[in-house]
Amino acid sequence: MSVARPKIGRLYLIHDPREWQIANQQLGYPLYIIPLTGVTHILGGVGLLIPNVPRLTEWIYAGLAINLLLAFYSQLNGGNSTWNKFDPILVMAFVFASCVLRRCMRANSWSI
């Protein structure tokens, strides 16, 4: 049995059979949702790179949080090992840290 791991958006779009099998059979996602998930992952990453659009970045962070909570729920219901189930929570910690640092930078007018 293969182990489910965090997905990268492009793997959903290039129709990688292994990724589609994990998403469809182990996690129970319908096949029509898989490419949409890939598109949203890529658009979210590109959207975070756009500077000086705070409302867009807040929506992207909200979408990422919802996406990762649903990924955690899917992992809990899948038949994976215990440690793989907490991968989305680990990624969410990084997303939360990124959101907090971005807010601090905007409030203090920092620049990188």
PDB file of N, CA and C in Angstrom:
ATOM      1  N   MET A   1       0.851  -1.175   0.000  1.00  0.00           N
ATOM      2  CA  MET A   1       0.000   0.000   0.000  1.00  0.00           C
ATOM      3  C   MET A   1       0.891   1.231   0.000  1.00  0.00           C
ATOM      4  N   SER A   2       0.625   2.150  -0.896  1.00  0.00           N
ATOM      5  CA  SER A   2       1.420   3.373  -0.959  1.00  0.00           C
ATOM      6  C   SER A   2       0.977   4.340   0.132  1.00  0.00           C
ATOM      7  N   VAL A   3       1.862   5.237   0.468  1.00  0.00           N
ATOM      8  CA  VAL A   3       1.613   6.175   1.548  1.00  0.00           C
ATOM      9  C   VAL A   3       1.204   7.513   0.963  1.00  0.00           C
ATOM     10  N   ALA A   4       0.097   8.081   1.447  1.00  0.00           N
ATOM     11  CA  ALA A   4      -0.342   9.401   0.999  1.00  0.00           C
ATOM     12  C   ALA A   4       0.560  10.457   1.612  1.00  0.00           C
ATOM     13  N   ARG A   5       0.903  11.459   0.829  1.00  0.00           N
ATOM     14  CA  ARG A   5       1.760  12.527   1.315  1.00  0.00           C
ATOM     15  C   ARG A   5       1.219  13.846   0.784  1.00  0.00           C
ATOM     16  N   PRO A   6       1.711  14.973   1.302  1.00  0.00           N
ATOM     17  CA  PRO A   6       1.213  16.255   0.796  1.00  0.00           C
ATOM     18  C   PRO A   6       1.401  16.360  -0.718  1.00  0.00           C
ATOM     19  N   LYS A   7       0.416  16.885  -1.371  1.00  0.00           N
ATOM     20  CA  LYS A   7       0.439  16.950  -2.828  1.00  0.00           C
ATOM     21  C   LYS A   7       0.970  18.284  -3.312  1.00  0.00           C
ATOM     22  N   ILE A   8       1.546  18.252  -4.466  1.00  0.00           N
ATOM     23  CA  ILE A   8       1.990  19.459  -5.144  1.00  0.00           C
ATOM     24  C   ILE A   8       1.011  19.686  -6.289  1.00  0.00           C
ATOM     25  N   GLY A   9       0.588  20.919  -6.476  1.00  0.00           N
ATOM     26  CA  GLY A   9      -0.430  21.231  -7.464  1.00  0.00           C
ATOM     27  C   GLY A   9      -0.153  20.695  -8.853  1.00  0.00           C
ATOM     28  N   ARG A  10       1.085  20.767  -9.278  1.00  0.00           N
ATOM     29  CA  ARG A  10       1.392  20.336 -10.645  1.00  0.00           C
ATOM     30  C   ARG A  10       1.193  18.844 -10.838  1.00  0.00           C
ATOM     31  N   LEU A  11       1.347  18.043  -9.788  1.00  0.00           N
ATOM     32  CA  LEU A  11       1.146  16.602  -9.918  1.00  0.00           C
ATOM     33  C   LEU A  11      -0.312  16.266 -10.201  1.00  0.00           C
ATOM     34  N   TYR A  12      -1.224  17.101  -9.722  1.00  0.00           N
ATOM     35  CA  TYR A  12      -2.634  16.893 -10.034  1.00  0.00           C
ATOM     36  C   TYR A  12      -2.927  17.272 -11.482  1.00  0.00           C
ATOM     37  N   LEU A  13      -2.196  18.234 -12.000  1.00  0.00           N
ATOM     38  CA  LEU A  13      -2.484  18.713 -13.354  1.00  0.00           C
ATOM     39  C   LEU A  13      -1.857  17.852 -14.439  1.00  0.00           C
ATOM     40  N   ILE A  14      -0.725  17.217 -14.161  1.00  0.00           N
ATOM     41  CA  ILE A  14      -0.068  16.417 -15.196  1.00  0.00           C
ATOM     42  C   ILE A  14      -0.565  14.986 -15.220  1.00  0.00           C
ATOM     43  N   HIS A  15      -1.593  14.711 -14.431  1.00  0.00           N
ATOM     44  CA  HIS A  15      -2.231  13.397 -14.404  1.00  0.00           C
ATOM     45  C   HIS A  15      -1.259  12.285 -14.011  1.00  0.00           C
ATOM     46  N   ASP A  16      -0.475  12.537 -12.970  1.00  0.00           N
ATOM     47  CA  ASP A  16       0.409  11.511 -12.438  1.00  0.00           C
ATOM     48  C   ASP A  16      -0.464  10.382 -11.893  1.00  0.00           C
ATOM     49  N   PRO A  17      -0.374   9.174 -12.477  1.00  0.00           N
ATOM     50  CA  PRO A  17      -1.284   8.090 -12.085  1.00  0.00           C
ATOM     51  C   PRO A  17      -1.190   7.731 -10.602  1.00  0.00           C
ATOM     52  N   ARG A  18      -0.012   7.787 -10.036  1.00  0.00           N
ATOM     53  CA  ARG A  18       0.147   7.434  -8.623  1.00  0.00           C
ATOM     54  C   ARG A  18      -0.578   8.436  -7.726  1.00  0.00           C
ATOM     55  N   GLU A  19      -0.427   9.722  -8.028  1.00  0.00           N
ATOM     56  CA  GLU A  19      -1.098  10.751  -7.226  1.00  0.00           C
ATOM     57  C   GLU A  19      -2.616  10.663  -7.376  1.00  0.00           C
ATOM     58  N   TRP A  20      -3.081  10.417  -8.590  1.00  0.00           N
ATOM     59  CA  TRP A  20      -4.524  10.312  -8.810  1.00  0.00           C
ATOM     60  C   TRP A  20      -5.074   9.079  -8.101  1.00  0.00           C
ATOM     61  N   GLN A  21      -4.301   7.981  -8.077  1.00  0.00           N
ATOM     62  CA  GLN A  21      -4.748   6.776  -7.388  1.00  0.00           C
ATOM     63  C   GLN A  21      -4.864   7.026  -5.891  1.00  0.00           C
ATOM     64  N   ILE A  22      -3.881   7.713  -5.310  1.00  0.00           N
ATOM     65  CA  ILE A  22      -3.920   8.016  -3.882  1.00  0.00           C
ATOM     66  C   ILE A  22      -5.128   8.903  -3.579  1.00  0.00           C
ATOM     67  N   ALA A  23      -5.307   9.946  -4.368  1.00  0.00           N
ATOM     68  CA  ALA A  23      -6.400  10.884  -4.113  1.00  0.00           C
ATOM     69  C   ALA A  23      -7.760  10.229  -4.307  1.00  0.00           C
ATOM     70  N   ASN A  24      -7.877   9.379  -5.304  1.00  0.00           N
ATOM     71  CA  ASN A  24      -9.173   8.788  -5.608  1.00  0.00           C
ATOM     72  C   ASN A  24      -9.490   7.589  -4.727  1.00  0.00           C
ATOM     73  N   GLN A  25      -8.565   6.653  -4.613  1.00  0.00           N
ATOM     74  CA  GLN A  25      -8.878   5.407  -3.914  1.00  0.00           C
ATOM     75  C   GLN A  25      -8.685   5.508  -2.406  1.00  0.00           C
ATOM     76  N   GLN A  26      -7.568   6.072  -1.967  1.00  0.00           N
ATOM     77  CA  GLN A  26      -7.306   6.104  -0.530  1.00  0.00           C
ATOM     78  C   GLN A  26      -8.066   7.215   0.177  1.00  0.00           C
ATOM     79  N   LEU A  27      -8.141   8.379  -0.450  1.00  0.00           N
ATOM     80  CA  LEU A  27      -8.789   9.507   0.201  1.00  0.00           C
ATOM     81  C   LEU A  27     -10.239   9.684  -0.227  1.00  0.00           C
ATOM     82  N   GLY A  28     -10.637   9.052  -1.328  1.00  0.00           N
ATOM     83  CA  GLY A  28     -12.031   9.085  -1.754  1.00  0.00           C
ATOM     84  C   GLY A  28     -12.440  10.321  -2.531  1.00  0.00           C
ATOM     85  N   TYR A  29     -11.481  11.059  -3.092  1.00  0.00           N
ATOM     86  CA  TYR A  29     -11.838  12.241  -3.873  1.00  0.00           C
ATOM     87  C   TYR A  29     -12.379  11.816  -5.226  1.00  0.00           C
ATOM     88  N   PRO A  30     -13.437  12.483  -5.723  1.00  0.00           N
ATOM     89  CA  PRO A  30     -13.899  12.190  -7.088  1.00  0.00           C
ATOM     90  C   PRO A  30     -12.869  12.681  -8.108  1.00  0.00           C
ATOM     91  N   LEU A  31     -12.840  12.022  -9.248  1.00  0.00           N
ATOM     92  CA  LEU A  31     -11.820  12.334 -10.251  1.00  0.00           C
ATOM     93  C   LEU A  31     -11.931  13.749 -10.806  1.00  0.00           C
ATOM     94  N   TYR A  32     -13.123  14.327 -10.833  1.00  0.00           N
ATOM     95  CA  TYR A  32     -13.266  15.667 -11.392  1.00  0.00           C
ATOM     96  C   TYR A  32     -12.753  16.751 -10.452  1.00  0.00           C
ATOM     97  N   ILE A  33     -12.549  16.457  -9.183  1.00  0.00           N
ATOM     98  CA  ILE A  33     -12.054  17.446  -8.222  1.00  0.00           C
ATOM     99  C   ILE A  33     -10.533  17.563  -8.275  1.00  0.00           C
ATOM    100  N   ILE A  34      -9.846  16.511  -8.692  1.00  0.00           N
ATOM    101  CA  ILE A  34      -8.383  16.474  -8.609  1.00  0.00           C
ATOM    102  C   ILE A  34      -7.727  17.576  -9.445  1.00  0.00           C
ATOM    103  N   PRO A  35      -8.098  17.801 -10.713  1.00  0.00           N
ATOM    104  CA  PRO A  35      -7.460  18.908 -11.445  1.00  0.00           C
ATOM    105  C   PRO A  35      -7.801  20.280 -10.851  1.00  0.00           C
ATOM    106  N   LEU A  36      -9.007  20.455 -10.336  1.00  0.00           N
ATOM    107  CA  LEU A  36      -9.387  21.722  -9.716  1.00  0.00           C
ATOM    108  C   LEU A  36      -8.503  22.006  -8.501  1.00  0.00           C
ATOM    109  N   THR A  37      -8.207  20.979  -7.733  1.00  0.00           N
ATOM    110  CA  THR A  37      -7.324  21.138  -6.582  1.00  0.00           C
ATOM    111  C   THR A  37      -5.938  21.582  -7.027  1.00  0.00           C
ATOM    112  N   GLY A  38      -5.437  21.001  -8.098  1.00  0.00           N
ATOM    113  CA  GLY A  38      -4.132  21.406  -8.619  1.00  0.00           C
ATOM    114  C   GLY A  38      -4.104  22.850  -9.070  1.00  0.00           C
ATOM    115  N   VAL A  39      -5.161  23.279  -9.748  1.00  0.00           N
ATOM    116  CA  VAL A  39      -5.235  24.665 -10.215  1.00  0.00           C
ATOM    117  C   VAL A  39      -5.272  25.628  -9.033  1.00  0.00           C
ATOM    118  N   THR A  40      -6.056  25.305  -8.000  1.00  0.00           N
ATOM    119  CA  THR A  40      -6.137  26.200  -6.849  1.00  0.00           C
ATOM    120  C   THR A  40      -4.823  26.270  -6.084  1.00  0.00           C
ATOM    121  N   HIS A  41      -4.085  25.176  -6.000  1.00  0.00           N
ATOM    122  CA  HIS A  41      -2.779  25.201  -5.339  1.00  0.00           C
ATOM    123  C   HIS A  41      -1.825  26.134  -6.072  1.00  0.00           C
ATOM    124  N   ILE A  42      -1.791  26.021  -7.372  1.00  0.00           N
ATOM    125  CA  ILE A  42      -0.868  26.843  -8.165  1.00  0.00           C
ATOM    126  C   ILE A  42      -1.287  28.312  -8.131  1.00  0.00           C
ATOM    127  N   LEU A  43      -2.576  28.599  -8.300  1.00  0.00           N
ATOM    128  CA  LEU A  43      -3.036  29.983  -8.256  1.00  0.00           C
ATOM    129  C   LEU A  43      -2.799  30.619  -6.886  1.00  0.00           C
ATOM    130  N   GLY A  44      -2.969  29.852  -5.821  1.00  0.00           N
ATOM    131  CA  GLY A  44      -2.695  30.367  -4.482  1.00  0.00           C
ATOM    132  C   GLY A  44      -1.235  30.719  -4.297  1.00  0.00           C
ATOM    133  N   GLY A  45      -0.346  29.876  -4.790  1.00  0.00           N
ATOM    134  CA  GLY A  45       1.084  30.164  -4.688  1.00  0.00           C
ATOM    135  C   GLY A  45       1.481  31.391  -5.496  1.00  0.00           C
ATOM    136  N   VAL A  46       0.930  31.521  -6.683  1.00  0.00           N
ATOM    137  CA  VAL A  46       1.224  32.691  -7.514  1.00  0.00           C
ATOM    138  C   VAL A  46       0.628  33.950  -6.878  1.00  0.00           C
ATOM    139  N   GLY A  47      -0.565  33.830  -6.333  1.00  0.00           N
ATOM    140  CA  GLY A  47      -1.213  34.982  -5.706  1.00  0.00           C
ATOM    141  C   GLY A  47      -0.443  35.518  -4.513  1.00  0.00           C
ATOM    142  N   LEU A  48       0.219  34.644  -3.774  1.00  0.00           N
ATOM    143  CA  LEU A  48       1.017  35.102  -2.634  1.00  0.00           C
ATOM    144  C   LEU A  48       2.254  35.881  -3.060  1.00  0.00           C
ATOM    145  N   LEU A  49       2.662  35.705  -4.291  1.00  0.00           N
ATOM    146  CA  LEU A  49       3.844  36.416  -4.790  1.00  0.00           C
ATOM    147  C   LEU A  49       3.530  37.826  -5.274  1.00  0.00           C
ATOM    148  N   ILE A  50       2.256  38.156  -5.437  1.00  0.00           N
ATOM    149  CA  ILE A  50       1.867  39.480  -5.902  1.00  0.00           C
ATOM    150  C   ILE A  50       1.998  40.471  -4.748  1.00  0.00           C
ATOM    151  N   PRO A  51       2.816  41.509  -4.916  1.00  0.00           N
ATOM    152  CA  PRO A  51       3.017  42.454  -3.804  1.00  0.00           C
ATOM    153  C   PRO A  51       1.903  43.494  -3.712  1.00  0.00           C
ATOM    154  N   ASN A  52       1.728  44.047  -2.522  1.00  0.00           N
ATOM    155  CA  ASN A  52       0.843  45.190  -2.263  1.00  0.00           C
ATOM    156  C   ASN A  52      -0.624  44.946  -2.602  1.00  0.00           C
ATOM    157  N   VAL A  53      -1.109  43.731  -2.376  1.00  0.00           N
ATOM    158  CA  VAL A  53      -2.526  43.427  -2.540  1.00  0.00           C
ATOM    159  C   VAL A  53      -2.979  42.694  -1.273  1.00  0.00           C
ATOM    160  N   PRO A  54      -3.154  43.426  -0.170  1.00  0.00           N
ATOM    161  CA  PRO A  54      -3.412  42.759   1.111  1.00  0.00           C
ATOM    162  C   PRO A  54      -4.723  41.980   1.166  1.00  0.00           C
ATOM    163  N   ARG A  55      -5.762  42.469   0.512  1.00  0.00           N
ATOM    164  CA  ARG A  55      -7.042  41.753   0.563  1.00  0.00           C
ATOM    165  C   ARG A  55      -6.935  40.409  -0.152  1.00  0.00           C
ATOM    166  N   LEU A  56      -6.239  40.378  -1.277  1.00  0.00           N
ATOM    167  CA  LEU A  56      -6.050  39.124  -2.010  1.00  0.00           C
ATOM    168  C   LEU A  56      -5.260  38.128  -1.171  1.00  0.00           C
ATOM    169  N   THR A  57      -4.203  38.584  -0.526  1.00  0.00           N
ATOM    170  CA  THR A  57      -3.395  37.666   0.272  1.00  0.00           C
ATOM    171  C   THR A  57      -4.177  37.131   1.464  1.00  0.00           C
ATOM    172  N   GLU A  58      -5.051  37.934   2.058  1.00  0.00           N
ATOM    173  CA  GLU A  58      -5.864  37.441   3.164  1.00  0.00           C
ATOM    174  C   GLU A  58      -6.817  36.344   2.692  1.00  0.00           C
ATOM    175  N   TRP A  59      -7.401  36.528   1.520  1.00  0.00           N
ATOM    176  CA  TRP A  59      -8.280  35.499   0.971  1.00  0.00           C
ATOM    177  C   TRP A  59      -7.500  34.232   0.637  1.00  0.00           C
ATOM    178  N   ILE A  60      -6.302  34.397   0.131  1.00  0.00           N
ATOM    179  CA  ILE A  60      -5.482  33.225  -0.195  1.00  0.00           C
ATOM    180  C   ILE A  60      -5.117  32.463   1.070  1.00  0.00           C
ATOM    181  N   TYR A  61      -4.727  33.179   2.114  1.00  0.00           N
ATOM    182  CA  TYR A  61      -4.412  32.503   3.374  1.00  0.00           C
ATOM    183  C   TYR A  61      -5.639  31.797   3.941  1.00  0.00           C
ATOM    184  N   ALA A  62      -6.807  32.401   3.827  1.00  0.00           N
ATOM    185  CA  ALA A  62      -8.037  31.753   4.292  1.00  0.00           C
ATOM    186  C   ALA A  62      -8.305  30.476   3.490  1.00  0.00           C
ATOM    187  N   GLY A  63      -8.119  30.560   2.180  1.00  0.00           N
ATOM    188  CA  GLY A  63      -8.309  29.376   1.340  1.00  0.00           C
ATOM    189  C   GLY A  63      -7.316  28.271   1.658  1.00  0.00           C
ATOM    190  N   LEU A  64      -6.065  28.648   1.912  1.00  0.00           N
ATOM    191  CA  LEU A  64      -5.066  27.652   2.285  1.00  0.00           C
ATOM    192  C   LEU A  64      -5.414  26.987   3.614  1.00  0.00           C
ATOM    193  N   ALA A  65      -5.889  27.771   4.564  1.00  0.00           N
ATOM    194  CA  ALA A  65      -6.255  27.206   5.861  1.00  0.00           C
ATOM    195  C   ALA A  65      -7.407  26.212   5.715  1.00  0.00           C
ATOM    196  N   ILE A  66      -8.417  26.577   4.933  1.00  0.00           N
ATOM    197  CA  ILE A  66      -9.544  25.668   4.709  1.00  0.00           C
ATOM    198  C   ILE A  66      -9.078  24.413   3.981  1.00  0.00           C
ATOM    199  N   ASN A  67      -8.246  24.593   2.974  1.00  0.00           N
ATOM    200  CA  ASN A  67      -7.723  23.470   2.203  1.00  0.00           C
ATOM    201  C   ASN A  67      -6.942  22.516   3.102  1.00  0.00           C
ATOM    202  N   LEU A  68      -6.098  23.050   3.970  1.00  0.00           N
ATOM    203  CA  LEU A  68      -5.288  22.196   4.835  1.00  0.00           C
ATOM    204  C   LEU A  68      -6.120  21.530   5.927  1.00  0.00           C
ATOM    205  N   LEU A  69      -7.156  22.206   6.418  1.00  0.00           N
ATOM    206  CA  LEU A  69      -8.049  21.553   7.380  1.00  0.00           C
ATOM    207  C   LEU A  69      -8.795  20.382   6.732  1.00  0.00           C
ATOM    208  N   LEU A  70      -9.237  20.579   5.504  1.00  0.00           N
ATOM    209  CA  LEU A  70      -9.913  19.495   4.800  1.00  0.00           C
ATOM    210  C   LEU A  70      -8.938  18.367   4.458  1.00  0.00           C
ATOM    211  N   ALA A  71      -7.687  18.710   4.154  1.00  0.00           N
ATOM    212  CA  ALA A  71      -6.679  17.677   3.909  1.00  0.00           C
ATOM    213  C   ALA A  71      -6.428  16.862   5.175  1.00  0.00           C
ATOM    214  N   PHE A  72      -6.378  17.540   6.317  1.00  0.00           N
ATOM    215  CA  PHE A  72      -6.202  16.837   7.588  1.00  0.00           C
ATOM    216  C   PHE A  72      -7.381  15.907   7.854  1.00  0.00           C
ATOM    217  N   TYR A  73      -8.583  16.382   7.593  1.00  0.00           N
ATOM    218  CA  TYR A  73      -9.777  15.545   7.766  1.00  0.00           C
ATOM    219  C   TYR A  73      -9.736  14.336   6.834  1.00  0.00           C
ATOM    220  N   SER A  74      -9.311  14.543   5.597  1.00  0.00           N
ATOM    221  CA  SER A  74      -9.199  13.433   4.649  1.00  0.00           C
ATOM    222  C   SER A  74      -8.157  12.424   5.119  1.00  0.00           C
ATOM    223  N   GLN A  75      -7.040  12.916   5.646  1.00  0.00           N
ATOM    224  CA  GLN A  75      -5.991  12.019   6.139  1.00  0.00           C
ATOM    225  C   GLN A  75      -6.479  11.231   7.350  1.00  0.00           C
ATOM    226  N   LEU A  76      -7.277  11.847   8.215  1.00  0.00           N
ATOM    227  CA  LEU A  76      -7.810  11.129   9.378  1.00  0.00           C
ATOM    228  C   LEU A  76      -8.706   9.976   8.948  1.00  0.00           C
ATOM    229  N   ASN A  77      -9.458  10.168   7.889  1.00  0.00           N
ATOM    230  CA  ASN A  77     -10.375   9.131   7.420  1.00  0.00           C
ATOM    231  C   ASN A  77      -9.715   8.128   6.492  1.00  0.00           C
ATOM    232  N   GLY A  78      -8.493   8.424   6.023  1.00  0.00           N
ATOM    233  CA  GLY A  78      -7.768   7.492   5.169  1.00  0.00           C
ATOM    234  C   GLY A  78      -7.059   6.453   6.016  1.00  0.00           C
ATOM    235  N   GLY A  79      -6.585   5.410   5.401  1.00  0.00           N
ATOM    236  CA  GLY A  79      -5.918   4.335   6.126  1.00  0.00           C
ATOM    237  C   GLY A  79      -4.403   4.481   6.128  1.00  0.00           C
ATOM    238  N   ASN A  80      -3.903   5.634   6.507  1.00  0.00           N
ATOM    239  CA  ASN A  80      -2.466   5.876   6.491  1.00  0.00           C
ATOM    240  C   ASN A  80      -1.884   5.719   7.890  1.00  0.00           C
ATOM    241  N   SER A  81      -0.564   5.800   7.959  1.00  0.00           N
ATOM    242  CA  SER A  81       0.083   5.739   9.262  1.00  0.00           C
ATOM    243  C   SER A  81      -0.220   7.016  10.050  1.00  0.00           C
ATOM    244  N   THR A  82       0.011   6.951  11.333  1.00  0.00           N
ATOM    245  CA  THR A  82      -0.330   8.069  12.216  1.00  0.00           C
ATOM    246  C   THR A  82       0.437   9.324  11.865  1.00  0.00           C
ATOM    247  N   TRP A  83       1.707   9.218  11.543  1.00  0.00           N
ATOM    248  CA  TRP A  83       2.517  10.412  11.284  1.00  0.00           C
ATOM    249  C   TRP A  83       2.118  11.105   9.995  1.00  0.00           C
ATOM    250  N   ASN A  84       1.686  10.364   8.995  1.00  0.00           N
ATOM    251  CA  ASN A  84       1.259  10.988   7.739  1.00  0.00           C
ATOM    252  C   ASN A  84      -0.002  11.810   7.910  1.00  0.00           C
ATOM    253  N   LYS A  85      -0.788  11.498   8.917  1.00  0.00           N
ATOM    254  CA  LYS A  85      -2.033  12.222   9.131  1.00  0.00           C
ATOM    255  C   LYS A  85      -1.798  13.647   9.598  1.00  0.00           C
ATOM    256  N   PHE A  86      -0.633  13.929  10.143  1.00  0.00           N
ATOM    257  CA  PHE A  86      -0.352  15.257  10.672  1.00  0.00           C
ATOM    258  C   PHE A  86       0.469  16.121   9.713  1.00  0.00           C
ATOM    259  N   ASP A  87       0.732  15.651   8.521  1.00  0.00           N
ATOM    260  CA  ASP A  87       1.441  16.460   7.523  1.00  0.00           C
ATOM    261  C   ASP A  87       0.722  17.770   7.212  1.00  0.00           C
ATOM    262  N   PRO A  88      -0.607  17.763   6.987  1.00  0.00           N
ATOM    263  CA  PRO A  88      -1.281  19.038   6.712  1.00  0.00           C
ATOM    264  C   PRO A  88      -1.196  20.021   7.879  1.00  0.00           C
ATOM    265  N   ILE A  89      -1.176  19.525   9.104  1.00  0.00           N
ATOM    266  CA  ILE A  89      -1.073  20.414  10.260  1.00  0.00           C
ATOM    267  C   ILE A  89       0.309  21.058  10.302  1.00  0.00           C
ATOM    268  N   LEU A  90       1.337  20.301   9.950  1.00  0.00           N
ATOM    269  CA  LEU A  90       2.693  20.863   9.889  1.00  0.00           C
ATOM    270  C   LEU A  90       2.774  21.952   8.826  1.00  0.00           C
ATOM    271  N   VAL A  91       2.199  21.697   7.669  1.00  0.00           N
ATOM    272  CA  VAL A  91       2.185  22.702   6.605  1.00  0.00           C
ATOM    273  C   VAL A  91       1.378  23.916   7.046  1.00  0.00           C
ATOM    274  N   MET A  92       0.278  23.685   7.780  1.00  0.00           N
ATOM    275  CA  MET A  92      -0.531  24.807   8.256  1.00  0.00           C
ATOM    276  C   MET A  92       0.256  25.681   9.226  1.00  0.00           C
ATOM    277  N   ALA A  93       1.150  25.097   9.992  1.00  0.00           N
ATOM    278  CA  ALA A  93       1.990  25.890  10.895  1.00  0.00           C
ATOM    279  C   ALA A  93       2.877  26.849  10.094  1.00  0.00           C
ATOM    280  N   PHE A  94       3.424  26.388   8.991  1.00  0.00           N
ATOM    281  CA  PHE A  94       4.231  27.255   8.138  1.00  0.00           C
ATOM    282  C   PHE A  94       3.384  28.338   7.474  1.00  0.00           C
ATOM    283  N   VAL A  95       2.180  27.981   7.044  1.00  0.00           N
ATOM    284  CA  VAL A  95       1.282  28.967   6.440  1.00  0.00           C
ATOM    285  C   VAL A  95       0.908  30.028   7.469  1.00  0.00           C
ATOM    286  N   PHE A  96       0.619  29.608   8.698  1.00  0.00           N
ATOM    287  CA  PHE A  96       0.277  30.551   9.760  1.00  0.00           C
ATOM    288  C   PHE A  96       1.456  31.472  10.061  1.00  0.00           C
ATOM    289  N   ALA A  97       2.666  30.920  10.135  1.00  0.00           N
ATOM    290  CA  ALA A  97       3.850  31.742  10.377  1.00  0.00           C
ATOM    291  C   ALA A  97       4.055  32.740   9.243  1.00  0.00           C
ATOM    292  N   SER A  98       3.839  32.310   8.009  1.00  0.00           N
ATOM    293  CA  SER A  98       3.966  33.205   6.863  1.00  0.00           C
ATOM    294  C   SER A  98       2.954  34.336   6.939  1.00  0.00           C
ATOM    295  N   CYS A  99       1.734  34.014   7.317  1.00  0.00           N
ATOM    296  CA  CYS A  99       0.686  35.034   7.432  1.00  0.00           C
ATOM    297  C   CYS A  99       1.039  36.050   8.514  1.00  0.00           C
ATOM    298  N   VAL A 100       1.486  35.585   9.668  1.00  0.00           N
ATOM    299  CA  VAL A 100       1.841  36.486  10.759  1.00  0.00           C
ATOM    300  C   VAL A 100       3.026  37.367  10.363  1.00  0.00           C
ATOM    301  N   LEU A 101       4.040  36.789   9.749  1.00  0.00           N
ATOM    302  CA  LEU A 101       5.202  37.586   9.329  1.00  0.00           C
ATOM    303  C   LEU A 101       4.828  38.606   8.264  1.00  0.00           C
ATOM    304  N   ARG A 102       3.945  38.238   7.355  1.00  0.00           N
ATOM    305  CA  ARG A 102       3.519  39.185   6.314  1.00  0.00           C
ATOM    306  C   ARG A 102       2.771  40.356   6.936  1.00  0.00           C
ATOM    307  N   ARG A 103       1.919  40.069   7.920  1.00  0.00           N
ATOM    308  CA  ARG A 103       1.200  41.155   8.607  1.00  0.00           C
ATOM    309  C   ARG A 103       2.161  42.071   9.350  1.00  0.00           C
ATOM    310  N   CYS A 104       3.163  41.488  10.017  1.00  0.00           N
ATOM    311  CA  CYS A 104       4.159  42.298  10.727  1.00  0.00           C
ATOM    312  C   CYS A 104       4.944  43.164   9.760  1.00  0.00           C
ATOM    313  N   MET A 105       5.306  42.610   8.618  1.00  0.00           N
ATOM    314  CA  MET A 105       6.052  43.376   7.622  1.00  0.00           C
ATOM    315  C   MET A 105       5.212  44.534   7.091  1.00  0.00           C
ATOM    316  N   ARG A 106       3.923  44.276   6.857  1.00  0.00           N
ATOM    317  CA  ARG A 106       3.063  45.319   6.336  1.00  0.00           C
ATOM    318  C   ARG A 106       2.825  46.409   7.385  1.00  0.00           C
ATOM    319  N   ALA A 107       2.658  46.014   8.644  1.00  0.00           N
ATOM    320  CA  ALA A 107       2.406  46.986   9.713  1.00  0.00           C
ATOM    321  C   ALA A 107       3.614  47.860   9.972  1.00  0.00           C
ATOM    322  N   ASN A 108       4.800  47.290   9.876  1.00  0.00           N
ATOM    323  CA  ASN A 108       6.028  48.036  10.142  1.00  0.00           C
ATOM    324  C   ASN A 108       6.702  48.546   8.882  1.00  0.00           C
ATOM    325  N   SER A 109       6.093  48.310   7.746  1.00  0.00           N
ATOM    326  CA  SER A 109       6.650  48.705   6.440  1.00  0.00           C
ATOM    327  C   SER A 109       8.043  48.143   6.242  1.00  0.00           C
ATOM    328  N   TRP A 110       8.238  46.911   6.625  1.00  0.00           N
ATOM    329  CA  TRP A 110       9.509  46.239   6.379  1.00  0.00           C
ATOM    330  C   TRP A 110       9.595  45.883   4.901  1.00  0.00           C
ATOM    331  N   SER A 111      10.769  45.601   4.481  1.00  0.00           N
ATOM    332  CA  SER A 111      10.937  45.096   3.126  1.00  0.00           C
ATOM    333  C   SER A 111      12.080  44.107   3.112  1.00  0.00           C
ATOM    334  N   ILE A 112      11.985  43.191   2.190  1.00  0.00           N
ATOM    335  CA  ILE A 112      13.041  42.178   2.064  1.00  0.00           C
ATOM    336  C   ILE A 112      13.843  42.477   0.842  1.00  0.00           C
TER     337      ILE A 112
END
